[in-house]
Amino acid sequence: MPASNTVPESNTGLDRLRRFIATATRLASADALAQTPALQEAFADLVRHDDWLPEACTAPHPQYYQQYLLHCDPLERFSLVSFVWGPGQSTPVHDHEVWGYVGMLRGAEVNQRYVRHADGRIETLGEPSTLHPGDVERLDPAEGDIHRVSNAHADRVSISVHLYGGNIGAVSRHVYDPASGQPKPFVSGYSSASMPNLWDRSAAVRASIPALQR
């Protein structure tokens, strides 16, 4: 019988990220991934551990927050992104047009939600909330997903991880003028032209083959 080429995976590094992506892909239907308790728990488990995010996806920019694509489903049913916030950086007031989860990995971020009235005005909705490592927040356009996100720290970098129900960098959505509520279309794109190589498992496979250890 030929030897199995299945290599046990550890609980650290890219293995953890690979397992989450595999779980999300299994949970996706033929045309969509939906917000479910199983998906939220898998995502929460991912951000409870800070041992897997590739270093290249943690680099801040001196002026702008960075949005690094970690994975996009081939059918664009979901995407996973790391957001890197330099000291004091923040987003404009914006929406998403798809559902999402925000999980805090390092540092802290402040989330201020907004409500848009029938006449187009927007105003803050409740008090801002602060996410700390391991916290997860849910976003749903049907429930109102307009918000502004800021690094809670003025002196250090914060990093959050976002899961979206689409290829968020290519979704046409909106930023809003806080005074007038006037929406303006925008497409965010990504801060890097490359993604982590999740699929080079060659070192682990080599280590599992006794003949290669001689």
N, C-alpha and C. Protein backbone atom coordinates (compact mmCIF):
# COMPACT_ATOMS: atom_id res chain seq x y z
N MET A 1 0.85 -1.18 0.00
CA MET A 1 0.00 0.00 0.00
C MET A 1 0.89 1.24 0.00
N PRO A 2 0.64 2.21 -0.87
CA PRO A 2 1.49 3.40 -0.90
C PRO A 2 1.31 4.20 0.37
N ALA A 3 2.38 4.87 0.75
CA ALA A 3 2.33 5.69 1.95
C ALA A 3 1.44 6.90 1.73
N SER A 4 0.75 7.31 2.78
CA SER A 4 -0.10 8.50 2.69
C SER A 4 0.76 9.75 2.57
N ASN A 5 0.31 10.70 1.78
CA ASN A 5 1.03 11.97 1.69
C ASN A 5 0.38 13.05 2.54
N THR A 6 -0.52 12.61 3.44
CA THR A 6 -1.16 13.55 4.35
C THR A 6 -0.25 13.83 5.52
N VAL A 7 0.04 15.07 5.73
CA VAL A 7 0.95 15.48 6.80
C VAL A 7 0.16 16.12 7.91
N PRO A 8 0.31 15.65 9.15
CA PRO A 8 -0.39 16.31 10.25
C PRO A 8 -0.02 17.79 10.32
N GLU A 9 -1.02 18.63 10.55
CA GLU A 9 -0.77 20.05 10.60
C GLU A 9 -0.66 20.51 12.05
N SER A 10 0.19 21.47 12.31
CA SER A 10 0.38 22.00 13.65
C SER A 10 -0.68 23.05 13.94
N ASN A 11 -0.59 23.65 15.11
CA ASN A 11 -1.54 24.68 15.50
C ASN A 11 -0.96 26.07 15.37
N THR A 12 0.11 26.21 14.62
CA THR A 12 0.74 27.51 14.50
C THR A 12 0.99 27.86 13.04
N GLY A 13 1.36 29.11 12.80
CA GLY A 13 1.76 29.54 11.47
C GLY A 13 0.66 29.43 10.44
N LEU A 14 1.07 29.26 9.20
CA LEU A 14 0.12 29.23 8.10
C LEU A 14 -0.84 28.05 8.18
N ASP A 15 -0.49 27.02 8.94
CA ASP A 15 -1.41 25.88 9.08
C ASP A 15 -2.75 26.34 9.64
N ARG A 16 -2.71 27.23 10.62
CA ARG A 16 -3.96 27.71 11.23
C ARG A 16 -4.79 28.49 10.21
N LEU A 17 -4.13 29.34 9.44
CA LEU A 17 -4.83 30.10 8.41
C LEU A 17 -5.39 29.18 7.34
N ARG A 18 -4.61 28.18 6.93
CA ARG A 18 -5.07 27.22 5.93
C ARG A 18 -6.33 26.50 6.41
N ARG A 19 -6.32 26.09 7.68
CA ARG A 19 -7.48 25.36 8.20
C ARG A 19 -8.73 26.23 8.22
N PHE A 20 -8.56 27.51 8.57
CA PHE A 20 -9.74 28.37 8.56
C PHE A 20 -10.30 28.52 7.15
N ILE A 21 -9.44 28.74 6.18
CA ILE A 21 -9.90 28.90 4.80
C ILE A 21 -10.59 27.63 4.32
N ALA A 22 -10.05 26.47 4.68
CA ALA A 22 -10.69 25.20 4.30
C ALA A 22 -12.06 25.09 4.95
N THR A 23 -12.18 25.50 6.22
CA THR A 23 -13.47 25.44 6.90
C THR A 23 -14.48 26.36 6.23
N ALA A 24 -14.09 27.59 5.93
CA ALA A 24 -15.00 28.53 5.27
C ALA A 24 -15.42 28.01 3.90
N THR A 25 -14.50 27.40 3.19
CA THR A 25 -14.83 26.86 1.87
C THR A 25 -15.82 25.71 1.98
N ARG A 26 -15.63 24.86 2.99
CA ARG A 26 -16.59 23.75 3.20
C ARG A 26 -17.96 24.28 3.57
N LEU A 27 -18.02 25.38 4.33
CA LEU A 27 -19.30 25.92 4.76
C LEU A 27 -20.02 26.68 3.64
N ALA A 28 -19.30 27.05 2.60
CA ALA A 28 -19.91 27.79 1.50
C ALA A 28 -20.81 26.88 0.67
N SER A 29 -21.94 27.43 0.25
CA SER A 29 -22.82 26.68 -0.65
C SER A 29 -22.29 26.83 -2.07
N ALA A 30 -23.09 26.40 -3.04
CA ALA A 30 -22.64 26.48 -4.43
C ALA A 30 -22.34 27.91 -4.85
N ASP A 31 -23.05 28.89 -4.29
CA ASP A 31 -22.87 30.26 -4.77
C ASP A 31 -22.64 31.30 -3.68
N ALA A 32 -22.59 30.90 -2.41
CA ALA A 32 -22.44 31.91 -1.36
C ALA A 32 -21.95 31.29 -0.06
N LEU A 33 -21.37 32.13 0.76
CA LEU A 33 -21.06 31.78 2.14
C LEU A 33 -21.92 32.66 3.01
N ALA A 34 -22.65 32.07 3.95
CA ALA A 34 -23.56 32.83 4.79
C ALA A 34 -23.02 32.96 6.21
N GLN A 35 -23.47 34.00 6.91
CA GLN A 35 -23.13 34.14 8.32
C GLN A 35 -23.86 33.06 9.11
N THR A 36 -23.10 32.20 9.74
CA THR A 36 -23.67 31.13 10.55
C THR A 36 -22.89 31.03 11.86
N PRO A 37 -23.47 30.41 12.90
CA PRO A 37 -22.72 30.21 14.14
C PRO A 37 -21.41 29.44 13.93
N ALA A 38 -21.42 28.46 13.03
CA ALA A 38 -20.21 27.67 12.78
C ALA A 38 -19.12 28.54 12.17
N LEU A 39 -19.50 29.40 11.23
CA LEU A 39 -18.50 30.28 10.61
C LEU A 39 -17.97 31.29 11.62
N GLN A 40 -18.86 31.87 12.42
CA GLN A 40 -18.42 32.86 13.40
C GLN A 40 -17.48 32.23 14.42
N GLU A 41 -17.77 31.02 14.85
CA GLU A 41 -16.90 30.37 15.83
C GLU A 41 -15.54 30.05 15.22
N ALA A 42 -15.52 29.61 13.97
CA ALA A 42 -14.24 29.33 13.32
C ALA A 42 -13.41 30.60 13.17
N PHE A 43 -14.08 31.70 12.82
CA PHE A 43 -13.38 32.98 12.68
C PHE A 43 -12.89 33.47 14.05
N ALA A 44 -13.73 33.35 15.07
CA ALA A 44 -13.33 33.76 16.41
C ALA A 44 -12.12 32.96 16.89
N ASP A 45 -12.10 31.67 16.57
CA ASP A 45 -10.95 30.85 16.96
C ASP A 45 -9.68 31.31 16.25
N LEU A 46 -9.81 31.72 15.00
CA LEU A 46 -8.65 32.21 14.26
C LEU A 46 -8.04 33.44 14.94
N VAL A 47 -8.88 34.42 15.28
CA VAL A 47 -8.34 35.67 15.82
C VAL A 47 -8.00 35.58 17.30
N ARG A 48 -8.37 34.47 17.94
CA ARG A 48 -7.93 34.27 19.33
C ARG A 48 -6.46 33.92 19.42
N HIS A 49 -5.86 33.56 18.28
CA HIS A 49 -4.46 33.16 18.24
C HIS A 49 -3.67 34.15 17.38
N ASP A 50 -2.59 34.65 17.91
CA ASP A 50 -1.76 35.60 17.15
C ASP A 50 -0.43 34.94 16.82
N ASP A 51 -0.50 33.90 15.99
CA ASP A 51 0.72 33.18 15.62
C ASP A 51 0.74 32.78 14.15
N TRP A 52 -0.13 33.39 13.35
CA TRP A 52 -0.30 32.89 11.98
C TRP A 52 -0.22 33.96 10.90
N LEU A 53 -0.36 35.23 11.24
CA LEU A 53 -0.40 36.27 10.21
C LEU A 53 0.98 36.51 9.64
N PRO A 54 1.17 36.33 8.33
CA PRO A 54 2.49 36.54 7.72
C PRO A 54 3.00 37.96 7.96
N GLU A 55 4.29 38.08 8.19
CA GLU A 55 4.89 39.36 8.52
C GLU A 55 4.64 40.40 7.44
N ALA A 56 4.62 39.97 6.18
CA ALA A 56 4.41 40.92 5.08
C ALA A 56 3.03 41.57 5.14
N CYS A 57 2.10 40.95 5.86
CA CYS A 57 0.73 41.47 5.96
C CYS A 57 0.51 42.24 7.25
N THR A 58 1.60 42.66 7.90
CA THR A 58 1.52 43.42 9.14
C THR A 58 2.17 44.80 9.01
N ALA A 59 2.65 45.15 7.80
CA ALA A 59 3.43 46.38 7.63
C ALA A 59 2.52 47.60 7.56
N PRO A 60 2.74 48.59 8.41
CA PRO A 60 1.94 49.81 8.33
C PRO A 60 2.48 50.77 7.28
N HIS A 61 1.68 51.77 6.96
CA HIS A 61 2.07 52.87 6.09
C HIS A 61 2.08 54.13 6.95
N PRO A 62 2.99 55.05 6.71
CA PRO A 62 3.05 56.23 7.58
C PRO A 62 1.83 57.13 7.49
N GLN A 63 1.06 57.04 6.40
CA GLN A 63 -0.09 57.93 6.25
C GLN A 63 -1.44 57.22 6.24
N TYR A 64 -1.50 56.02 5.64
CA TYR A 64 -2.78 55.38 5.38
C TYR A 64 -2.84 53.99 6.02
N TYR A 65 -4.04 53.62 6.46
CA TYR A 65 -4.21 52.23 6.90
C TYR A 65 -4.04 51.31 5.70
N GLN A 66 -3.60 50.09 5.96
CA GLN A 66 -3.31 49.13 4.89
C GLN A 66 -4.30 47.98 4.93
N GLN A 67 -4.66 47.48 3.75
CA GLN A 67 -5.65 46.43 3.60
C GLN A 67 -5.02 45.31 2.77
N TYR A 68 -4.52 44.28 3.46
CA TYR A 68 -3.80 43.19 2.80
C TYR A 68 -4.74 42.00 2.57
N LEU A 69 -4.85 41.56 1.33
CA LEU A 69 -5.66 40.39 1.02
C LEU A 69 -4.92 39.12 1.44
N LEU A 70 -5.52 38.34 2.31
CA LEU A 70 -4.95 37.07 2.75
C LEU A 70 -5.46 35.91 1.89
N HIS A 71 -6.73 35.99 1.49
CA HIS A 71 -7.30 34.94 0.64
C HIS A 71 -8.60 35.46 0.04
N CYS A 72 -8.84 35.11 -1.21
CA CYS A 72 -10.14 35.33 -1.84
C CYS A 72 -10.61 34.02 -2.43
N ASP A 73 -11.79 33.60 -2.08
CA ASP A 73 -12.38 32.39 -2.63
C ASP A 73 -12.41 32.48 -4.16
N PRO A 74 -12.08 31.40 -4.88
CA PRO A 74 -12.06 31.46 -6.35
C PRO A 74 -13.37 31.91 -6.97
N LEU A 75 -14.49 31.64 -6.27
CA LEU A 75 -15.78 32.10 -6.77
C LEU A 75 -16.19 33.44 -6.17
N GLU A 76 -15.26 34.07 -5.44
CA GLU A 76 -15.49 35.36 -4.80
C GLU A 76 -16.66 35.33 -3.83
N ARG A 77 -16.87 34.18 -3.19
CA ARG A 77 -17.92 34.07 -2.18
C ARG A 77 -17.50 34.69 -0.86
N PHE A 78 -16.19 34.79 -0.61
CA PHE A 78 -15.71 35.43 0.61
C PHE A 78 -14.27 35.85 0.42
N SER A 79 -13.83 36.76 1.27
CA SER A 79 -12.43 37.18 1.28
C SER A 79 -12.01 37.42 2.72
N LEU A 80 -10.72 37.26 2.96
CA LEU A 80 -10.14 37.45 4.28
C LEU A 80 -9.03 38.48 4.16
N VAL A 81 -9.04 39.49 5.01
CA VAL A 81 -8.16 40.64 4.87
C VAL A 81 -7.58 41.02 6.23
N SER A 82 -6.30 41.42 6.24
CA SER A 82 -5.76 42.04 7.46
C SER A 82 -5.73 43.55 7.26
N PHE A 83 -6.21 44.27 8.27
CA PHE A 83 -6.17 45.73 8.27
C PHE A 83 -5.10 46.17 9.25
N VAL A 84 -4.16 46.94 8.78
CA VAL A 84 -3.05 47.40 9.61
C VAL A 84 -3.19 48.91 9.81
N TRP A 85 -3.35 49.29 11.07
CA TRP A 85 -3.61 50.68 11.43
C TRP A 85 -2.35 51.28 12.04
N GLY A 86 -1.76 52.27 11.36
CA GLY A 86 -0.69 53.02 11.97
C GLY A 86 -1.22 53.85 13.12
N PRO A 87 -0.35 54.40 13.96
CA PRO A 87 -0.80 55.21 15.10
C PRO A 87 -1.78 56.31 14.68
N GLY A 88 -2.95 56.31 15.29
CA GLY A 88 -3.93 57.36 15.05
C GLY A 88 -4.67 57.29 13.73
N GLN A 89 -4.43 56.28 12.90
CA GLN A 89 -5.09 56.22 11.58
C GLN A 89 -6.54 55.78 11.70
N SER A 90 -7.34 56.17 10.72
CA SER A 90 -8.76 55.82 10.73
C SER A 90 -9.31 55.77 9.32
N THR A 91 -10.48 55.19 9.18
CA THR A 91 -11.18 55.16 7.90
C THR A 91 -12.09 56.38 7.80
N PRO A 92 -12.56 56.69 6.59
CA PRO A 92 -13.71 57.59 6.49
C PRO A 92 -14.97 56.86 6.96
N VAL A 93 -16.07 57.57 7.08
CA VAL A 93 -17.36 56.92 7.33
C VAL A 93 -17.73 56.17 6.05
N HIS A 94 -18.04 54.88 6.18
CA HIS A 94 -18.24 54.06 4.99
C HIS A 94 -19.21 52.92 5.27
N ASP A 95 -19.66 52.27 4.18
CA ASP A 95 -20.45 51.04 4.30
C ASP A 95 -19.71 49.92 3.59
N HIS A 96 -20.38 48.75 3.42
CA HIS A 96 -19.69 47.57 2.90
C HIS A 96 -20.43 46.89 1.74
N GLU A 97 -21.76 46.92 1.76
CA GLU A 97 -22.58 46.28 0.72
C GLU A 97 -22.56 44.75 0.81
N VAL A 98 -21.75 44.18 1.68
CA VAL A 98 -21.75 42.74 1.95
C VAL A 98 -21.60 42.56 3.45
N TRP A 99 -21.99 41.39 3.96
CA TRP A 99 -21.82 41.13 5.39
C TRP A 99 -20.34 40.96 5.74
N GLY A 100 -20.06 41.02 7.01
CA GLY A 100 -18.67 40.84 7.42
C GLY A 100 -18.53 40.52 8.89
N TYR A 101 -17.34 40.07 9.26
CA TYR A 101 -16.93 39.94 10.66
C TYR A 101 -15.61 40.70 10.81
N VAL A 102 -15.47 41.40 11.91
CA VAL A 102 -14.23 42.09 12.24
C VAL A 102 -13.68 41.46 13.51
N GLY A 103 -12.45 40.96 13.45
CA GLY A 103 -11.81 40.36 14.61
C GLY A 103 -10.52 41.09 14.94
N MET A 104 -10.32 41.38 16.21
CA MET A 104 -9.12 42.12 16.64
C MET A 104 -7.99 41.14 16.92
N LEU A 105 -6.83 41.43 16.33
CA LEU A 105 -5.68 40.55 16.51
C LEU A 105 -4.63 41.17 17.43
N ARG A 106 -4.28 42.44 17.17
CA ARG A 106 -3.26 43.13 17.97
C ARG A 106 -3.70 44.56 18.22
N GLY A 107 -3.36 45.07 19.38
CA GLY A 107 -3.72 46.44 19.70
C GLY A 107 -5.21 46.57 19.98
N ALA A 108 -5.82 47.64 19.51
CA ALA A 108 -7.25 47.88 19.72
C ALA A 108 -7.74 48.87 18.67
N GLU A 109 -9.03 48.77 18.35
CA GLU A 109 -9.61 49.73 17.42
C GLU A 109 -10.97 50.18 17.94
N VAL A 110 -11.33 51.39 17.57
CA VAL A 110 -12.59 51.99 18.00
C VAL A 110 -13.55 51.99 16.82
N ASN A 111 -14.75 51.54 17.05
CA ASN A 111 -15.78 51.45 16.00
C ASN A 111 -16.94 52.37 16.37
N GLN A 112 -17.17 53.36 15.54
CA GLN A 112 -18.33 54.23 15.72
C GLN A 112 -19.34 53.94 14.62
N ARG A 113 -20.50 53.49 15.00
CA ARG A 113 -21.55 53.21 14.03
C ARG A 113 -22.38 54.47 13.75
N TYR A 114 -23.00 54.47 12.56
CA TYR A 114 -23.85 55.58 12.14
C TYR A 114 -25.18 55.03 11.64
N VAL A 115 -26.19 55.88 11.69
CA VAL A 115 -27.49 55.57 11.10
C VAL A 115 -27.78 56.61 10.03
N ARG A 116 -28.35 56.17 8.93
CA ARG A 116 -28.71 57.09 7.83
C ARG A 116 -30.22 57.22 7.80
N HIS A 117 -30.69 58.46 7.87
CA HIS A 117 -32.12 58.72 7.91
C HIS A 117 -32.69 58.81 6.50
N ALA A 118 -34.01 58.84 6.43
CA ALA A 118 -34.69 58.85 5.13
C ALA A 118 -34.33 60.08 4.30
N ASP A 119 -34.01 61.19 4.97
CA ASP A 119 -33.66 62.40 4.23
C ASP A 119 -32.18 62.43 3.83
N GLY A 120 -31.44 61.34 4.11
CA GLY A 120 -30.04 61.24 3.71
C GLY A 120 -29.05 61.64 4.78
N ARG A 121 -29.51 62.28 5.86
CA ARG A 121 -28.59 62.66 6.93
C ARG A 121 -28.06 61.41 7.63
N ILE A 122 -26.84 61.52 8.11
CA ILE A 122 -26.32 60.46 8.96
C ILE A 122 -25.94 61.05 10.31
N GLU A 123 -26.07 60.23 11.34
CA GLU A 123 -25.63 60.64 12.66
C GLU A 123 -25.11 59.43 13.42
N THR A 124 -24.33 59.70 14.44
CA THR A 124 -23.76 58.59 15.21
C THR A 124 -24.86 57.79 15.87
N LEU A 125 -24.62 56.49 15.96
CA LEU A 125 -25.58 55.57 16.56
C LEU A 125 -24.95 54.99 17.81
N GLY A 126 -25.35 55.48 18.96
CA GLY A 126 -24.82 54.98 20.21
C GLY A 126 -23.39 55.44 20.45
N GLU A 127 -22.81 54.90 21.49
CA GLU A 127 -21.45 55.23 21.86
C GLU A 127 -20.47 54.36 21.05
N PRO A 128 -19.26 54.84 20.80
CA PRO A 128 -18.27 54.00 20.11
C PRO A 128 -17.91 52.79 20.97
N SER A 129 -17.59 51.70 20.30
CA SER A 129 -17.15 50.49 21.00
C SER A 129 -15.68 50.25 20.67
N THR A 130 -15.00 49.59 21.58
CA THR A 130 -13.58 49.30 21.39
C THR A 130 -13.36 47.80 21.34
N LEU A 131 -12.70 47.35 20.29
CA LEU A 131 -12.36 45.93 20.14
C LEU A 131 -10.94 45.70 20.65
N HIS A 132 -10.79 44.62 21.43
CA HIS A 132 -9.49 44.20 21.95
C HIS A 132 -9.16 42.83 21.37
N PRO A 133 -7.91 42.38 21.46
CA PRO A 133 -7.54 41.09 20.87
C PRO A 133 -8.50 39.96 21.25
N GLY A 134 -8.96 39.25 20.22
CA GLY A 134 -9.90 38.15 20.41
C GLY A 134 -11.36 38.54 20.26
N ASP A 135 -11.67 39.85 20.30
CA ASP A 135 -13.05 40.30 20.13
C ASP A 135 -13.47 40.20 18.67
N VAL A 136 -14.75 39.90 18.45
CA VAL A 136 -15.31 39.81 17.09
C VAL A 136 -16.58 40.64 17.03
N GLU A 137 -16.72 41.41 15.96
CA GLU A 137 -17.93 42.20 15.73
C GLU A 137 -18.52 41.80 14.39
N ARG A 138 -19.85 41.76 14.33
CA ARG A 138 -20.57 41.34 13.14
C ARG A 138 -21.08 42.56 12.38
N LEU A 139 -21.02 42.51 11.05
CA LEU A 139 -21.54 43.56 10.18
C LEU A 139 -22.58 42.95 9.24
N ASP A 140 -23.70 43.66 9.07
CA ASP A 140 -24.75 43.17 8.19
C ASP A 140 -25.45 44.38 7.56
N PRO A 141 -25.37 44.54 6.23
CA PRO A 141 -26.02 45.68 5.59
C PRO A 141 -27.51 45.79 5.90
N ALA A 142 -28.18 44.65 6.07
CA ALA A 142 -29.62 44.67 6.34
C ALA A 142 -29.93 45.29 7.70
N GLU A 143 -28.95 45.28 8.59
CA GLU A 143 -29.14 45.83 9.94
C GLU A 143 -28.50 47.21 10.08
N GLY A 144 -27.84 47.68 9.03
CA GLY A 144 -27.13 48.95 9.08
C GLY A 144 -25.66 48.72 9.36
N ASP A 145 -24.81 49.04 8.40
CA ASP A 145 -23.38 48.72 8.54
C ASP A 145 -22.50 49.93 8.25
N ILE A 146 -23.06 51.13 8.41
CA ILE A 146 -22.25 52.34 8.21
C ILE A 146 -21.45 52.60 9.48
N HIS A 147 -20.15 52.76 9.32
CA HIS A 147 -19.34 53.00 10.51
C HIS A 147 -18.03 53.69 10.14
N ARG A 148 -17.30 54.08 11.16
CA ARG A 148 -15.96 54.64 11.03
C ARG A 148 -15.08 53.91 12.04
N VAL A 149 -13.91 53.47 11.59
CA VAL A 149 -13.01 52.68 12.43
C VAL A 149 -11.71 53.44 12.62
N SER A 150 -11.19 53.43 13.85
CA SER A 150 -9.96 54.15 14.17
C SER A 150 -9.06 53.27 15.02
N ASN A 151 -7.76 53.44 14.86
CA ASN A 151 -6.81 52.84 15.78
C ASN A 151 -7.01 53.49 17.14
N ALA A 152 -7.19 52.67 18.17
CA ALA A 152 -7.39 53.20 19.51
C ALA A 152 -6.12 53.77 20.11
N HIS A 153 -4.98 53.49 19.47
CA HIS A 153 -3.69 53.90 20.02
C HIS A 153 -3.05 54.99 19.16
N ALA A 154 -2.56 56.02 19.79
CA ALA A 154 -1.88 57.10 19.09
C ALA A 154 -0.39 56.86 18.97
N ASP A 155 0.10 55.77 19.58
CA ASP A 155 1.55 55.57 19.63
C ASP A 155 2.00 54.20 19.14
N ARG A 156 1.08 53.39 18.64
CA ARG A 156 1.50 52.08 18.13
C ARG A 156 0.51 51.53 17.13
N VAL A 157 0.97 50.50 16.43
CA VAL A 157 0.19 49.85 15.37
C VAL A 157 -0.86 48.92 15.98
N SER A 158 -2.02 48.87 15.34
CA SER A 158 -3.04 47.87 15.66
C SER A 158 -3.37 47.09 14.40
N ILE A 159 -3.78 45.83 14.57
CA ILE A 159 -4.11 44.98 13.42
C ILE A 159 -5.41 44.25 13.69
N SER A 160 -6.33 44.34 12.74
CA SER A 160 -7.57 43.57 12.80
C SER A 160 -7.66 42.69 11.56
N VAL A 161 -8.48 41.66 11.65
CA VAL A 161 -8.69 40.73 10.54
C VAL A 161 -10.17 40.76 10.20
N HIS A 162 -10.49 40.88 8.90
CA HIS A 162 -11.87 41.03 8.47
C HIS A 162 -12.23 39.91 7.49
N LEU A 163 -13.38 39.32 7.70
CA LEU A 163 -13.94 38.32 6.79
C LEU A 163 -15.18 38.93 6.16
N TYR A 164 -15.25 38.90 4.83
CA TYR A 164 -16.37 39.50 4.12
C TYR A 164 -17.06 38.48 3.20
N GLY A 165 -18.34 38.72 2.97
CA GLY A 165 -19.10 37.85 2.09
C GLY A 165 -18.99 38.24 0.63
N GLY A 166 -17.77 38.45 0.16
CA GLY A 166 -17.50 38.84 -1.22
C GLY A 166 -16.06 39.25 -1.33
N ASN A 167 -15.63 39.60 -2.53
CA ASN A 167 -14.27 40.08 -2.76
C ASN A 167 -14.25 41.57 -2.44
N ILE A 168 -14.03 41.90 -1.17
CA ILE A 168 -14.29 43.24 -0.67
C ILE A 168 -13.49 44.31 -1.42
N GLY A 169 -12.30 44.00 -1.87
CA GLY A 169 -11.51 44.99 -2.59
C GLY A 169 -12.09 45.40 -3.91
N ALA A 170 -13.01 44.59 -4.46
CA ALA A 170 -13.63 44.87 -5.75
C ALA A 170 -15.11 45.23 -5.64
N VAL A 171 -15.61 45.39 -4.41
CA VAL A 171 -17.02 45.72 -4.21
C VAL A 171 -17.21 47.24 -4.31
N SER A 172 -18.17 47.67 -5.10
CA SER A 172 -18.51 49.09 -5.17
C SER A 172 -19.38 49.44 -3.97
N ARG A 173 -18.86 50.32 -3.11
CA ARG A 173 -19.60 50.73 -1.91
C ARG A 173 -19.50 52.24 -1.74
N HIS A 174 -19.65 52.76 -0.53
CA HIS A 174 -19.79 54.19 -0.37
C HIS A 174 -19.01 54.72 0.82
N VAL A 175 -18.48 55.93 0.66
CA VAL A 175 -18.05 56.74 1.80
C VAL A 175 -19.08 57.87 1.94
N TYR A 176 -19.20 58.40 3.16
CA TYR A 176 -20.23 59.40 3.44
C TYR A 176 -19.61 60.66 4.03
N ASP A 177 -20.11 61.79 3.59
CA ASP A 177 -19.73 63.05 4.22
C ASP A 177 -20.45 63.13 5.57
N PRO A 178 -19.71 63.21 6.68
CA PRO A 178 -20.37 63.20 7.99
C PRO A 178 -21.34 64.36 8.20
N ALA A 179 -21.08 65.51 7.57
CA ALA A 179 -21.94 66.68 7.78
C ALA A 179 -23.24 66.59 6.98
N SER A 180 -23.14 66.20 5.70
CA SER A 180 -24.32 66.19 4.84
C SER A 180 -24.93 64.81 4.65
N GLY A 181 -24.16 63.77 4.90
CA GLY A 181 -24.62 62.41 4.62
C GLY A 181 -24.49 62.03 3.18
N GLN A 182 -23.94 62.92 2.35
CA GLN A 182 -23.82 62.66 0.92
C GLN A 182 -22.92 61.45 0.67
N PRO A 183 -23.42 60.42 -0.05
CA PRO A 183 -22.60 59.25 -0.34
C PRO A 183 -21.74 59.47 -1.58
N LYS A 184 -20.58 58.85 -1.60
CA LYS A 184 -19.70 58.89 -2.76
C LYS A 184 -19.22 57.47 -3.02
N PRO A 185 -19.40 56.96 -4.26
CA PRO A 185 -18.96 55.58 -4.53
C PRO A 185 -17.45 55.43 -4.39
N PHE A 186 -17.02 54.28 -3.89
CA PHE A 186 -15.59 53.97 -3.90
C PHE A 186 -15.39 52.47 -3.97
N VAL A 187 -14.23 52.09 -4.47
CA VAL A 187 -13.79 50.69 -4.52
C VAL A 187 -12.42 50.67 -3.86
N SER A 188 -12.28 49.91 -2.80
CA SER A 188 -11.08 50.04 -1.96
C SER A 188 -9.82 49.45 -2.57
N GLY A 189 -9.94 48.36 -3.32
CA GLY A 189 -8.75 47.65 -3.77
C GLY A 189 -8.00 47.08 -2.59
N TYR A 190 -6.72 46.74 -2.81
CA TYR A 190 -5.88 46.17 -1.76
C TYR A 190 -4.54 46.89 -1.74
N SER A 191 -3.83 46.74 -0.64
CA SER A 191 -2.56 47.45 -0.45
C SER A 191 -1.37 46.68 -0.98
N SER A 192 -1.57 45.47 -1.45
CA SER A 192 -0.47 44.66 -1.97
C SER A 192 -0.95 43.89 -3.19
N ALA A 193 -0.05 43.67 -4.13
CA ALA A 193 -0.40 42.93 -5.34
C ALA A 193 -0.24 41.42 -5.16
N SER A 194 0.24 40.98 -4.00
CA SER A 194 0.47 39.55 -3.78
C SER A 194 -0.24 39.09 -2.52
N MET A 195 -0.42 37.77 -2.42
CA MET A 195 -1.05 37.16 -1.25
C MET A 195 -0.06 36.18 -0.62
N PRO A 196 -0.28 35.80 0.64
CA PRO A 196 0.58 34.77 1.25
C PRO A 196 0.49 33.45 0.48
N ASN A 197 1.62 32.77 0.35
CA ASN A 197 1.63 31.46 -0.29
C ASN A 197 1.24 30.42 0.76
N LEU A 198 -0.04 30.07 0.78
CA LEU A 198 -0.54 29.13 1.78
C LEU A 198 -0.28 27.68 1.41
N TRP A 199 0.07 27.43 0.17
CA TRP A 199 0.01 26.07 -0.31
C TRP A 199 1.36 25.40 -0.50
N ASP A 200 2.44 26.07 -0.15
CA ASP A 200 3.74 25.40 -0.20
C ASP A 200 3.95 24.64 1.11
N ARG A 201 3.55 23.39 1.10
CA ARG A 201 3.69 22.52 2.27
C ARG A 201 4.87 21.57 2.09
N SER A 202 5.76 21.92 1.17
CA SER A 202 6.83 20.99 0.80
C SER A 202 7.75 20.65 1.96
N ALA A 203 8.05 21.64 2.83
CA ALA A 203 8.96 21.36 3.95
C ALA A 203 8.37 20.31 4.89
N ALA A 204 7.07 20.43 5.16
CA ALA A 204 6.43 19.45 6.05
C ALA A 204 6.36 18.07 5.40
N VAL A 205 6.10 18.05 4.08
CA VAL A 205 6.04 16.76 3.39
C VAL A 205 7.42 16.10 3.38
N ARG A 206 8.46 16.88 3.10
CA ARG A 206 9.82 16.33 3.12
C ARG A 206 10.15 15.76 4.50
N ALA A 207 9.76 16.49 5.53
CA ALA A 207 10.08 16.05 6.89
C ALA A 207 9.38 14.75 7.26
N SER A 208 8.31 14.43 6.56
CA SER A 208 7.55 13.21 6.86
C SER A 208 8.05 11.99 6.11
N ILE A 209 9.00 12.18 5.20
CA ILE A 209 9.50 11.08 4.38
C ILE A 209 10.86 10.64 4.90
N PRO A 210 10.95 9.47 5.53
CA PRO A 210 12.22 9.05 6.15
C PRO A 210 13.39 9.03 5.17
N ALA A 211 13.12 8.65 3.93
CA ALA A 211 14.23 8.54 2.97
C ALA A 211 14.89 9.89 2.71
N LEU A 212 14.16 10.96 2.91
CA LEU A 212 14.72 12.29 2.68
C LEU A 212 15.50 12.80 3.89
N GLN A 213 15.44 12.06 4.99
CA GLN A 213 16.14 12.50 6.21
C GLN A 213 17.53 11.86 6.33
N ARG A 214 17.87 10.96 5.39
CA ARG A 214 19.15 10.26 5.49
C ARG A 214 20.28 11.10 4.95
